[in-house]
PDB file of N, CA and C in Angstrom:
ATOM      1  N   MET A   1       2.796  46.530 -60.272  1.00  0.00           N
ATOM      2  CA  MET A   1       3.661  45.146 -60.439  1.00  0.00           C
ATOM      3  C   MET A   1       4.531  44.634 -59.481  1.00  0.00           C
ATOM      4  N   ARG A   2       4.603  43.899 -58.714  1.00  0.00           N
ATOM      5  CA  ARG A   2       5.859  43.281 -57.568  1.00  0.00           C
ATOM      6  C   ARG A   2       7.047  42.735 -58.176  1.00  0.00           C
ATOM      7  N   LYS A   3       8.023  43.443 -57.323  1.00  0.00           N
ATOM      8  CA  LYS A   3       9.331  43.332 -58.028  1.00  0.00           C
ATOM      9  C   LYS A   3      10.143  41.880 -57.679  1.00  0.00           C
ATOM     10  N   ILE A   4      11.005  41.662 -58.556  1.00  0.00           N
ATOM     11  CA  ILE A   4      11.500  40.318 -58.380  1.00  0.00           C
ATOM     12  C   ILE A   4      12.746  40.728 -57.738  1.00  0.00           C
ATOM     13  N   LYS A   5      13.182  40.087 -56.755  1.00  0.00           N
ATOM     14  CA  LYS A   5      14.610  40.029 -56.138  1.00  0.00           C
ATOM     15  C   LYS A   5      15.800  39.241 -56.467  1.00  0.00           C
ATOM     16  N   CYS A   6      16.805  39.806 -56.813  1.00  0.00           N
ATOM     17  CA  CYS A   6      17.848  38.740 -57.210  1.00  0.00           C
ATOM     18  C   CYS A   6      19.332  38.986 -56.793  1.00  0.00           C
ATOM     19  N   GLY A   7      19.951  37.853 -56.915  1.00  0.00           N
ATOM     20  CA  GLY A   7      21.239  38.086 -56.234  1.00  0.00           C
ATOM     21  C   GLY A   7      22.306  37.676 -57.387  1.00  0.00           C
ATOM     22  N   ILE A   8      23.522  38.352 -57.788  1.00  0.00           N
ATOM     23  CA  ILE A   8      25.044  38.247 -58.503  1.00  0.00           C
ATOM     24  C   ILE A   8      25.560  37.554 -57.934  1.00  0.00           C
ATOM     25  N   VAL A   9      26.151  36.346 -58.825  1.00  0.00           N
ATOM     26  CA  VAL A   9      27.231  35.312 -58.345  1.00  0.00           C
ATOM     27  C   VAL A   9      28.307  36.212 -58.984  1.00  0.00           C
ATOM     28  N   GLY A  10      29.454  36.500 -58.443  1.00  0.00           N
ATOM     29  CA  GLY A  10      30.795  36.781 -59.537  1.00  0.00           C
ATOM     30  C   GLY A  10      29.811  38.465 -59.827  1.00  0.00           C
ATOM     31  N   PHE A  11      31.275  39.268 -59.409  1.00  0.00           N
ATOM     32  CA  PHE A  11      30.662  40.866 -59.520  1.00  0.00           C
ATOM     33  C   PHE A  11      31.871  41.483 -60.156  1.00  0.00           C
ATOM     34  N   GLY A  12      32.849  40.742 -60.974  1.00  0.00           N
ATOM     35  CA  GLY A  12      34.222  41.439 -61.568  1.00  0.00           C
ATOM     36  C   GLY A  12      33.913  42.364 -62.723  1.00  0.00           C
ATOM     37  N   PHE A  13      34.225  42.005 -63.788  1.00  0.00           N
ATOM     38  CA  PHE A  13      34.385  43.082 -64.954  1.00  0.00           C
ATOM     39  C   PHE A  13      32.903  43.569 -65.432  1.00  0.00           C
ATOM     40  N   ILE A  14      32.409  42.525 -65.394  1.00  0.00           N
ATOM     41  CA  ILE A  14      30.951  42.441 -66.222  1.00  0.00           C
ATOM     42  C   ILE A  14      29.426  42.659 -65.113  1.00  0.00           C
ATOM     43  N   GLY A  15      29.913  42.192 -64.015  1.00  0.00           N
ATOM     44  CA  GLY A  15      28.886  42.239 -62.439  1.00  0.00           C
ATOM     45  C   GLY A  15      28.053  43.658 -62.830  1.00  0.00           C
ATOM     46  N   PRO A  16      28.683  44.735 -62.724  1.00  0.00           N
ATOM     47  CA  PRO A  16      27.762  45.710 -62.618  1.00  0.00           C
ATOM     48  C   PRO A  16      26.812  46.121 -63.747  1.00  0.00           C
ATOM     49  N   HIS A  17      27.158  45.949 -64.741  1.00  0.00           N
ATOM     50  CA  HIS A  17      26.732  45.812 -65.903  1.00  0.00           C
ATOM     51  C   HIS A  17      25.197  45.010 -66.248  1.00  0.00           C
ATOM     52  N   HIS A  18      25.497  43.684 -65.956  1.00  0.00           N
ATOM     53  CA  HIS A  18      24.512  43.109 -65.478  1.00  0.00           C
ATOM     54  C   HIS A  18      23.370  43.552 -64.373  1.00  0.00           C
ATOM     55  N   ALA A  19      23.533  44.112 -63.669  1.00  0.00           N
ATOM     56  CA  ALA A  19      22.953  44.439 -62.482  1.00  0.00           C
ATOM     57  C   ALA A  19      22.305  45.999 -62.742  1.00  0.00           C
ATOM     58  N   GLU A  20      23.000  46.631 -63.845  1.00  0.00           N
ATOM     59  CA  GLU A  20      22.289  47.884 -64.752  1.00  0.00           C
ATOM     60  C   GLU A  20      21.191  47.499 -65.380  1.00  0.00           C
ATOM     61  N   ALA A  21      21.404  46.058 -66.199  1.00  0.00           N
ATOM     62  CA  ALA A  21      20.315  45.830 -67.488  1.00  0.00           C
ATOM     63  C   ALA A  21      19.331  45.331 -66.547  1.00  0.00           C
ATOM     64  N   MET A  22      19.552  44.903 -65.484  1.00  0.00           N
ATOM     65  CA  MET A  22      18.140  44.018 -64.843  1.00  0.00           C
ATOM     66  C   MET A  22      17.506  45.198 -64.228  1.00  0.00           C
ATOM     67  N   ARG A  23      18.198  46.149 -63.775  1.00  0.00           N
ATOM     68  CA  ARG A  23      17.142  47.013 -63.125  1.00  0.00           C
ATOM     69  C   ARG A  23      16.617  47.854 -63.945  1.00  0.00           C
ATOM     70  N   ARG A  24      17.268  47.832 -65.182  1.00  0.00           N
ATOM     71  CA  ARG A  24      16.497  48.527 -66.220  1.00  0.00           C
ATOM     72  C   ARG A  24      14.843  48.244 -66.777  1.00  0.00           C
ATOM     73  N   PHE A  25      14.668  46.871 -66.507  1.00  0.00           N
ATOM     74  CA  PHE A  25      14.119  46.266 -66.439  1.00  0.00           C
ATOM     75  C   PHE A  25      12.489  46.651 -65.963  1.00  0.00           C
ATOM     76  N   GLY A  26      12.793  47.482 -64.713  1.00  0.00           N
ATOM     77  CA  GLY A  26      11.687  48.147 -63.866  1.00  0.00           C
ATOM     78  C   GLY A  26      11.041  47.073 -62.681  1.00  0.00           C
ATOM     79  N   PHE A  27      11.315  46.018 -62.985  1.00  0.00           N
ATOM     80  CA  PHE A  27      10.652  44.809 -61.677  1.00  0.00           C
ATOM     81  C   PHE A  27      11.664  44.173 -61.149  1.00  0.00           C
ATOM     82  N   VAL A  28      13.085  44.617 -61.476  1.00  0.00           N
ATOM     83  CA  VAL A  28      13.807  43.380 -60.598  1.00  0.00           C
ATOM     84  C   VAL A  28      14.582  44.302 -59.952  1.00  0.00           C
ATOM     85  N   GLU A  29      15.007  43.777 -58.742  1.00  0.00           N
ATOM     86  CA  GLU A  29      16.015  44.703 -57.686  1.00  0.00           C
ATOM     87  C   GLU A  29      17.311  43.535 -57.567  1.00  0.00           C
ATOM     88  N   VAL A  30      18.332  44.028 -57.707  1.00  0.00           N
ATOM     89  CA  VAL A  30      19.527  43.411 -57.356  1.00  0.00           C
ATOM     90  C   VAL A  30      19.935  43.230 -56.029  1.00  0.00           C
ATOM     91  N   ALA A  31      19.588  42.506 -55.304  1.00  0.00           N
ATOM     92  CA  ALA A  31      19.306  42.538 -53.600  1.00  0.00           C
ATOM     93  C   ALA A  31      20.448  42.367 -52.962  1.00  0.00           C
ATOM     94  N   ALA A  32      21.389  41.368 -53.841  1.00  0.00           N
ATOM     95  CA  ALA A  32      22.571  41.076 -53.347  1.00  0.00           C
ATOM     96  C   ALA A  32      23.577  40.171 -54.226  1.00  0.00           C
ATOM     97  N   VAL A  33      24.858  40.889 -53.960  1.00  0.00           N
ATOM     98  CA  VAL A  33      26.004  40.409 -54.882  1.00  0.00           C
ATOM     99  C   VAL A  33      27.258  39.056 -53.707  1.00  0.00           C
ATOM    100  N   CYS A  34      27.448  38.369 -54.520  1.00  0.00           N
ATOM    101  CA  CYS A  34      28.579  37.668 -54.104  1.00  0.00           C
ATOM    102  C   CYS A  34      29.811  37.353 -54.919  1.00  0.00           C
ATOM    103  N   SER A  35      30.973  37.870 -54.472  1.00  0.00           N
ATOM    104  CA  SER A  35      32.276  37.909 -55.476  1.00  0.00           C
ATOM    105  C   SER A  35      33.345  37.870 -54.591  1.00  0.00           C
ATOM    106  N   ASP A  36      34.393  37.309 -55.481  1.00  0.00           N
ATOM    107  CA  ASP A  36      35.522  37.707 -54.326  1.00  0.00           C
ATOM    108  C   ASP A  36      36.553  38.488 -55.147  1.00  0.00           C
ATOM    109  N   GLU A  37      36.303  39.439 -55.818  1.00  0.00           N
ATOM    110  CA  GLU A  37      36.653  40.635 -56.416  1.00  0.00           C
ATOM    111  C   GLU A  37      36.624  41.502 -55.656  1.00  0.00           C
ATOM    112  N   PRO A  38      38.309  42.065 -55.502  1.00  0.00           N
ATOM    113  CA  PRO A  38      38.743  43.261 -54.500  1.00  0.00           C
ATOM    114  C   PRO A  38      37.717  44.183 -54.441  1.00  0.00           C
ATOM    115  N   ALA A  39      37.400  44.635 -55.833  1.00  0.00           N
ATOM    116  CA  ALA A  39      36.487  45.942 -55.531  1.00  0.00           C
ATOM    117  C   ALA A  39      34.752  45.494 -55.537  1.00  0.00           C
ATOM    118  N   THR A  40      34.367  44.289 -55.115  1.00  0.00           N
ATOM    119  CA  THR A  40      33.082  44.235 -55.545  1.00  0.00           C
ATOM    120  C   THR A  40      32.191  45.254 -54.476  1.00  0.00           C
ATOM    121  N   ARG A  41      33.046  45.311 -53.372  1.00  0.00           N
ATOM    122  CA  ARG A  41      32.052  46.502 -52.114  1.00  0.00           C
ATOM    123  C   ARG A  41      31.765  47.832 -52.961  1.00  0.00           C
ATOM    124  N   LEU A  42      33.119  48.385 -53.323  1.00  0.00           N
ATOM    125  CA  LEU A  42      32.935  49.807 -53.870  1.00  0.00           C
ATOM    126  C   LEU A  42      31.936  49.586 -55.115  1.00  0.00           C
ATOM    127  N   LYS A  43      31.961  48.653 -55.972  1.00  0.00           N
ATOM    128  CA  LYS A  43      31.090  48.919 -57.197  1.00  0.00           C
ATOM    129  C   LYS A  43      29.454  48.710 -56.795  1.00  0.00           C
ATOM    130  N   ALA A  44      29.393  47.753 -55.636  1.00  0.00           N
ATOM    131  CA  ALA A  44      27.778  47.751 -55.289  1.00  0.00           C
ATOM    132  C   ALA A  44      27.378  48.511 -54.722  1.00  0.00           C
ATOM    133  N   GLU A  45      28.302  49.467 -53.584  1.00  0.00           N
ATOM    134  CA  GLU A  45      27.635  50.708 -53.065  1.00  0.00           C
ATOM    135  C   GLU A  45      27.475  51.668 -54.113  1.00  0.00           C
ATOM    136  N   ARG A  46      27.994  51.873 -55.179  1.00  0.00           N
ATOM    137  CA  ARG A  46      27.737  52.568 -56.022  1.00  0.00           C
ATOM    138  C   ARG A  46      26.484  52.376 -57.248  1.00  0.00           C
ATOM    139  N   LEU A  47      25.875  51.098 -56.930  1.00  0.00           N
ATOM    140  CA  LEU A  47      24.685  50.725 -57.668  1.00  0.00           C
ATOM    141  C   LEU A  47      23.601  50.416 -56.438  1.00  0.00           C
ATOM    142  N   ASN A  48      23.894  50.981 -55.158  1.00  0.00           N
ATOM    143  CA  ASN A  48      23.160  50.767 -54.088  1.00  0.00           C
ATOM    144  C   ASN A  48      22.317  49.513 -54.034  1.00  0.00           C
ATOM    145  N   ILE A  49      23.386  48.623 -53.892  1.00  0.00           N
ATOM    146  CA  ILE A  49      22.994  47.107 -53.752  1.00  0.00           C
ATOM    147  C   ILE A  49      23.580  46.805 -52.135  1.00  0.00           C
ATOM    148  N   ARG A  50      22.492  46.792 -51.393  1.00  0.00           N
ATOM    149  CA  ARG A  50      23.027  46.501 -49.746  1.00  0.00           C
ATOM    150  C   ARG A  50      23.777  45.253 -49.073  1.00  0.00           C
ATOM    151  N   GLU A  51      23.400  44.050 -49.531  1.00  0.00           N
ATOM    152  CA  GLU A  51      23.698  42.806 -49.670  1.00  0.00           C
ATOM    153  C   GLU A  51      25.304  42.700 -50.087  1.00  0.00           C
ATOM    154  N   ILE A  52      26.229  42.449 -49.837  1.00  0.00           N
ATOM    155  CA  ILE A  52      27.790  42.204 -50.202  1.00  0.00           C
ATOM    156  C   ILE A  52      28.441  41.273 -49.460  1.00  0.00           C
ATOM    157  N   ARG A  53      28.632  40.056 -50.290  1.00  0.00           N
ATOM    158  CA  ARG A  53      29.449  38.627 -49.132  1.00  0.00           C
ATOM    159  C   ARG A  53      30.809  38.491 -50.144  1.00  0.00           C
TER     160      ARG A  53
END
């Protein structure tokens, strides 16, 4: 099955939980996140999300 790539705008408190839930579908890859939350980079790197804005 082909993977769907998605991005998440806003990666504060609940963002990492949404990313993990989408990943569990098995056919969704969270390819990017965009947020002004100070800890965005650290949270995204823990989830192996490469694009961070």
